[in-house]
Amino acid sequence: MRDEQQLLRLRPELELVTDQSRPEEVFQNRTLRPILKMQHQLLIHLFQTHIRKRKNAYFQMSEPARLEWIADAVRSDQRFRNLLVGTIIGHFTVDELRTFEDNEAECLRRLVNLIIQRLQSEDFVCPD
């Protein structure tokens, strides 16, 4: 049996004001951002694995090309994108999943953009 209260307690507390926010922004700030922060190291590891699978081509690129490569990898590689999105969705409560499903296109767009921003802010180092 899944303990959803325990699942919520695992998330980091973020001091984000949502008083004047639209429902999509509230979902983004109360659900997506804390889960992304909690799963940060796993997302980084998954992306490093993705780089290795692509023969480390990422490390031969300029900084602007790297940023574009990250965005393209998350948006275009369906299997990779589904892996990253599933890593986050797996931490939803049932109510959060219902909210996500009710507004899937907008929530998915926001989630993918947040994942891209998080990966782009990281400084990946070429393994020796």
C-alpha atoms as a PDB file:
ATOM      1  CA  MET A   1       0.000   0.000   0.000  1.00  0.00           C
ATOM      2  CA  ARG A   2       1.261   3.414  -0.924  1.00  0.00           C
ATOM      3  CA  ASP A   3       1.479   6.002   1.892  1.00  0.00           C
ATOM      4  CA  GLU A   4       0.822   9.302   0.131  1.00  0.00           C
ATOM      5  CA  GLN A   5       1.411  11.404   3.250  1.00  0.00           C
ATOM      6  CA  GLN A   6       4.878   9.919   3.543  1.00  0.00           C
ATOM      7  CA  LEU A   7       5.414  10.624  -0.148  1.00  0.00           C
ATOM      8  CA  LEU A   8       4.545  14.293   0.449  1.00  0.00           C
ATOM      9  CA  ARG A   9       6.842  14.497   3.496  1.00  0.00           C
ATOM     10  CA  LEU A  10       9.799  13.371   1.392  1.00  0.00           C
ATOM     11  CA  ARG A  11       9.606  16.486  -0.757  1.00  0.00           C
ATOM     12  CA  PRO A  12      11.700  19.523   0.052  1.00  0.00           C
ATOM     13  CA  GLU A  13       9.833  22.619   1.201  1.00  0.00           C
ATOM     14  CA  LEU A  14      10.122  25.465  -1.291  1.00  0.00           C
ATOM     15  CA  GLU A  15       9.210  28.989  -0.309  1.00  0.00           C
ATOM     16  CA  LEU A  16       7.207  29.844  -3.431  1.00  0.00           C
ATOM     17  CA  VAL A  17       4.302  32.274  -3.248  1.00  0.00           C
ATOM     18  CA  THR A  18       1.257  30.915  -5.062  1.00  0.00           C
ATOM     19  CA  ASP A  19      -1.488  33.238  -3.759  1.00  0.00           C
ATOM     20  CA  GLN A  20      -2.064  35.028  -7.071  1.00  0.00           C
ATOM     21  CA  SER A  21      -1.165  32.083  -9.302  1.00  0.00           C
ATOM     22  CA  ARG A  22      -3.267  30.252 -11.860  1.00  0.00           C
ATOM     23  CA  PRO A  23      -3.981  26.563 -11.142  1.00  0.00           C
ATOM     24  CA  GLU A  24      -1.239  25.411 -13.541  1.00  0.00           C
ATOM     25  CA  GLU A  25       1.310  27.590 -11.759  1.00  0.00           C
ATOM     26  CA  VAL A  26       0.189  26.316  -8.367  1.00  0.00           C
ATOM     27  CA  PHE A  27       0.638  22.730  -9.592  1.00  0.00           C
ATOM     28  CA  GLN A  28       4.036  23.618 -11.011  1.00  0.00           C
ATOM     29  CA  ASN A  29       5.230  25.267  -7.790  1.00  0.00           C
ATOM     30  CA  ARG A  30       3.650  22.923  -5.240  1.00  0.00           C
ATOM     31  CA  THR A  31       4.168  19.624  -7.038  1.00  0.00           C
ATOM     32  CA  LEU A  32       6.581  19.735  -9.969  1.00  0.00           C
ATOM     33  CA  ARG A  33       9.339  21.931  -8.547  1.00  0.00           C
ATOM     34  CA  PRO A  34       9.681  20.085  -5.213  1.00  0.00           C
ATOM     35  CA  ILE A  35       9.757  16.694  -6.947  1.00  0.00           C
ATOM     36  CA  LEU A  36      12.316  17.953  -9.472  1.00  0.00           C
ATOM     37  CA  LYS A  37      14.500  19.227  -6.651  1.00  0.00           C
ATOM     38  CA  MET A  38      14.161  15.935  -4.788  1.00  0.00           C
ATOM     39  CA  GLN A  39      15.003  13.917  -7.926  1.00  0.00           C
ATOM     40  CA  HIS A  40      17.787  16.246  -9.125  1.00  0.00           C
ATOM     41  CA  GLN A  41      20.685  13.804  -8.699  1.00  0.00           C
ATOM     42  CA  LEU A  42      18.760  11.028 -10.438  1.00  0.00           C
ATOM     43  CA  LEU A  43      17.927  13.320 -13.385  1.00  0.00           C
ATOM     44  CA  ILE A  44      21.595  14.301 -13.643  1.00  0.00           C
ATOM     45  CA  HIS A  45      22.668  10.654 -13.609  1.00  0.00           C
ATOM     46  CA  LEU A  46      20.112   9.775 -16.293  1.00  0.00           C
ATOM     47  CA  PHE A  47      21.374  12.599 -18.490  1.00  0.00           C
ATOM     48  CA  GLN A  48      25.011  11.584 -17.999  1.00  0.00           C
ATOM     49  CA  THR A  49      24.059   8.066 -19.068  1.00  0.00           C
ATOM     50  CA  HIS A  50      22.306   9.539 -22.112  1.00  0.00           C
ATOM     51  CA  ILE A  51      25.498  11.453 -23.002  1.00  0.00           C
ATOM     52  CA  ARG A  52      27.590   8.268 -22.733  1.00  0.00           C
ATOM     53  CA  LYS A  53      25.162   6.378 -24.957  1.00  0.00           C
ATOM     54  CA  ARG A  54      25.721   9.084 -27.572  1.00  0.00           C
ATOM     55  CA  LYS A  55      29.517   8.543 -27.454  1.00  0.00           C
ATOM     56  CA  ASN A  56      30.146  11.711 -25.406  1.00  0.00           C
ATOM     57  CA  ALA A  57      29.500  13.947 -28.439  1.00  0.00           C
ATOM     58  CA  TYR A  58      28.085  16.502 -26.004  1.00  0.00           C
ATOM     59  CA  PHE A  59      31.585  17.299 -24.737  1.00  0.00           C
ATOM     60  CA  GLN A  60      32.881  18.303 -28.186  1.00  0.00           C
ATOM     61  CA  MET A  61      30.211  21.008 -28.562  1.00  0.00           C
ATOM     62  CA  SER A  62      30.309  24.703 -27.804  1.00  0.00           C
ATOM     63  CA  GLU A  63      28.277  25.949 -24.817  1.00  0.00           C
ATOM     64  CA  PRO A  64      25.345  27.227 -26.937  1.00  0.00           C
ATOM     65  CA  ALA A  65      25.294  23.951 -28.877  1.00  0.00           C
ATOM     66  CA  ARG A  66      25.261  22.002 -25.603  1.00  0.00           C
ATOM     67  CA  LEU A  67      22.245  23.931 -24.363  1.00  0.00           C
ATOM     68  CA  GLU A  68      20.411  23.248 -27.602  1.00  0.00           C
ATOM     69  CA  TRP A  69      21.472  19.580 -27.527  1.00  0.00           C
ATOM     70  CA  ILE A  70      19.967  19.199 -24.040  1.00  0.00           C
ATOM     71  CA  ALA A  71      16.667  20.756 -25.127  1.00  0.00           C
ATOM     72  CA  ASP A  72      16.589  18.634 -28.278  1.00  0.00           C
ATOM     73  CA  ALA A  73      17.398  15.442 -26.362  1.00  0.00           C
ATOM     74  CA  VAL A  74      14.562  15.994 -23.902  1.00  0.00           C
ATOM     75  CA  ARG A  75      12.025  17.136 -26.483  1.00  0.00           C
ATOM     76  CA  SER A  76      12.865  14.838 -29.413  1.00  0.00           C
ATOM     77  CA  ASP A  77      14.092  11.553 -27.951  1.00  0.00           C
ATOM     78  CA  GLN A  78      10.747  10.071 -26.921  1.00  0.00           C
ATOM     79  CA  ARG A  79      12.188   7.197 -24.889  1.00  0.00           C
ATOM     80  CA  PHE A  80      14.527   9.510 -22.975  1.00  0.00           C
ATOM     81  CA  ARG A  81      11.797  12.082 -22.405  1.00  0.00           C
ATOM     82  CA  ASN A  82       9.400   9.420 -21.121  1.00  0.00           C
ATOM     83  CA  LEU A  83      12.078   8.143 -18.738  1.00  0.00           C
ATOM     84  CA  LEU A  84      12.645  11.637 -17.310  1.00  0.00           C
ATOM     85  CA  VAL A  85       8.937  12.445 -17.086  1.00  0.00           C
ATOM     86  CA  GLY A  86       8.188   9.070 -15.490  1.00  0.00           C
ATOM     87  CA  THR A  87      10.879   9.732 -12.895  1.00  0.00           C
ATOM     88  CA  ILE A  88       8.828  12.728 -11.780  1.00  0.00           C
ATOM     89  CA  ILE A  89       5.290  11.413 -12.278  1.00  0.00           C
ATOM     90  CA  GLY A  90       6.117   8.367 -10.163  1.00  0.00           C
ATOM     91  CA  HIS A  91       6.233  10.689  -7.155  1.00  0.00           C
ATOM     92  CA  PHE A  92       2.745  12.141  -7.663  1.00  0.00           C
ATOM     93  CA  THR A  93      -0.082  11.416  -5.299  1.00  0.00           C
ATOM     94  CA  VAL A  94      -3.280  10.091  -6.881  1.00  0.00           C
ATOM     95  CA  ASP A  95      -4.853  13.561  -6.621  1.00  0.00           C
ATOM     96  CA  GLU A  96      -1.812  15.143  -8.276  1.00  0.00           C
ATOM     97  CA  LEU A  97      -1.960  12.558 -11.046  1.00  0.00           C
ATOM     98  CA  ARG A  98      -5.615  13.432 -11.612  1.00  0.00           C
ATOM     99  CA  THR A  99      -4.708  17.122 -11.813  1.00  0.00           C
ATOM    100  CA  PHE A 100      -1.948  16.267 -14.275  1.00  0.00           C
ATOM    101  CA  GLU A 101      -4.292  14.162 -16.388  1.00  0.00           C
ATOM    102  CA  ASP A 102      -6.995  16.853 -16.401  1.00  0.00           C
ATOM    103  CA  ASN A 103      -4.555  19.376 -17.857  1.00  0.00           C
ATOM    104  CA  GLU A 104      -1.988  17.033 -19.379  1.00  0.00           C
ATOM    105  CA  ALA A 105      -0.764  19.136 -22.293  1.00  0.00           C
ATOM    106  CA  GLU A 106      -0.035  22.220 -20.179  1.00  0.00           C
ATOM    107  CA  CYS A 107       1.398  20.275 -17.234  1.00  0.00           C
ATOM    108  CA  LEU A 108       3.606  18.174 -19.503  1.00  0.00           C
ATOM    109  CA  ARG A 109       4.848  21.278 -21.303  1.00  0.00           C
ATOM    110  CA  ARG A 110       5.751  22.876 -17.980  1.00  0.00           C
ATOM    111  CA  LEU A 111       7.400  19.695 -16.709  1.00  0.00           C
ATOM    112  CA  VAL A 112       9.530  19.251 -19.832  1.00  0.00           C
ATOM    113  CA  ASN A 113      10.610  22.907 -19.701  1.00  0.00           C
ATOM    114  CA  LEU A 114      11.563  22.588 -16.032  1.00  0.00           C
ATOM    115  CA  ILE A 115      13.584  19.440 -16.725  1.00  0.00           C
ATOM    116  CA  ILE A 116      15.397  21.183 -19.581  1.00  0.00           C
ATOM    117  CA  GLN A 117      16.171  24.231 -17.412  1.00  0.00           C
ATOM    118  CA  ARG A 118      17.460  22.017 -14.610  1.00  0.00           C
ATOM    119  CA  LEU A 119      19.750  20.063 -16.960  1.00  0.00           C
ATOM    120  CA  GLN A 120      20.949  23.207 -18.734  1.00  0.00           C
ATOM    121  CA  SER A 121      21.966  24.772 -15.418  1.00  0.00           C
ATOM    122  CA  GLU A 122      24.262  21.847 -14.648  1.00  0.00           C
ATOM    123  CA  ASP A 123      27.947  21.807 -15.563  1.00  0.00           C
ATOM    124  CA  PHE A 124      28.552  18.332 -16.957  1.00  0.00           C
ATOM    125  CA  VAL A 125      32.183  17.209 -16.921  1.00  0.00           C
ATOM    126  CA  CYS A 126      33.667  14.797 -19.397  1.00  0.00           C
ATOM    127  CA  PRO A 127      34.598  11.508 -17.716  1.00  0.00           C
ATOM    128  CA  ASP A 128      38.190  10.393 -18.112  1.00  0.00           C
END
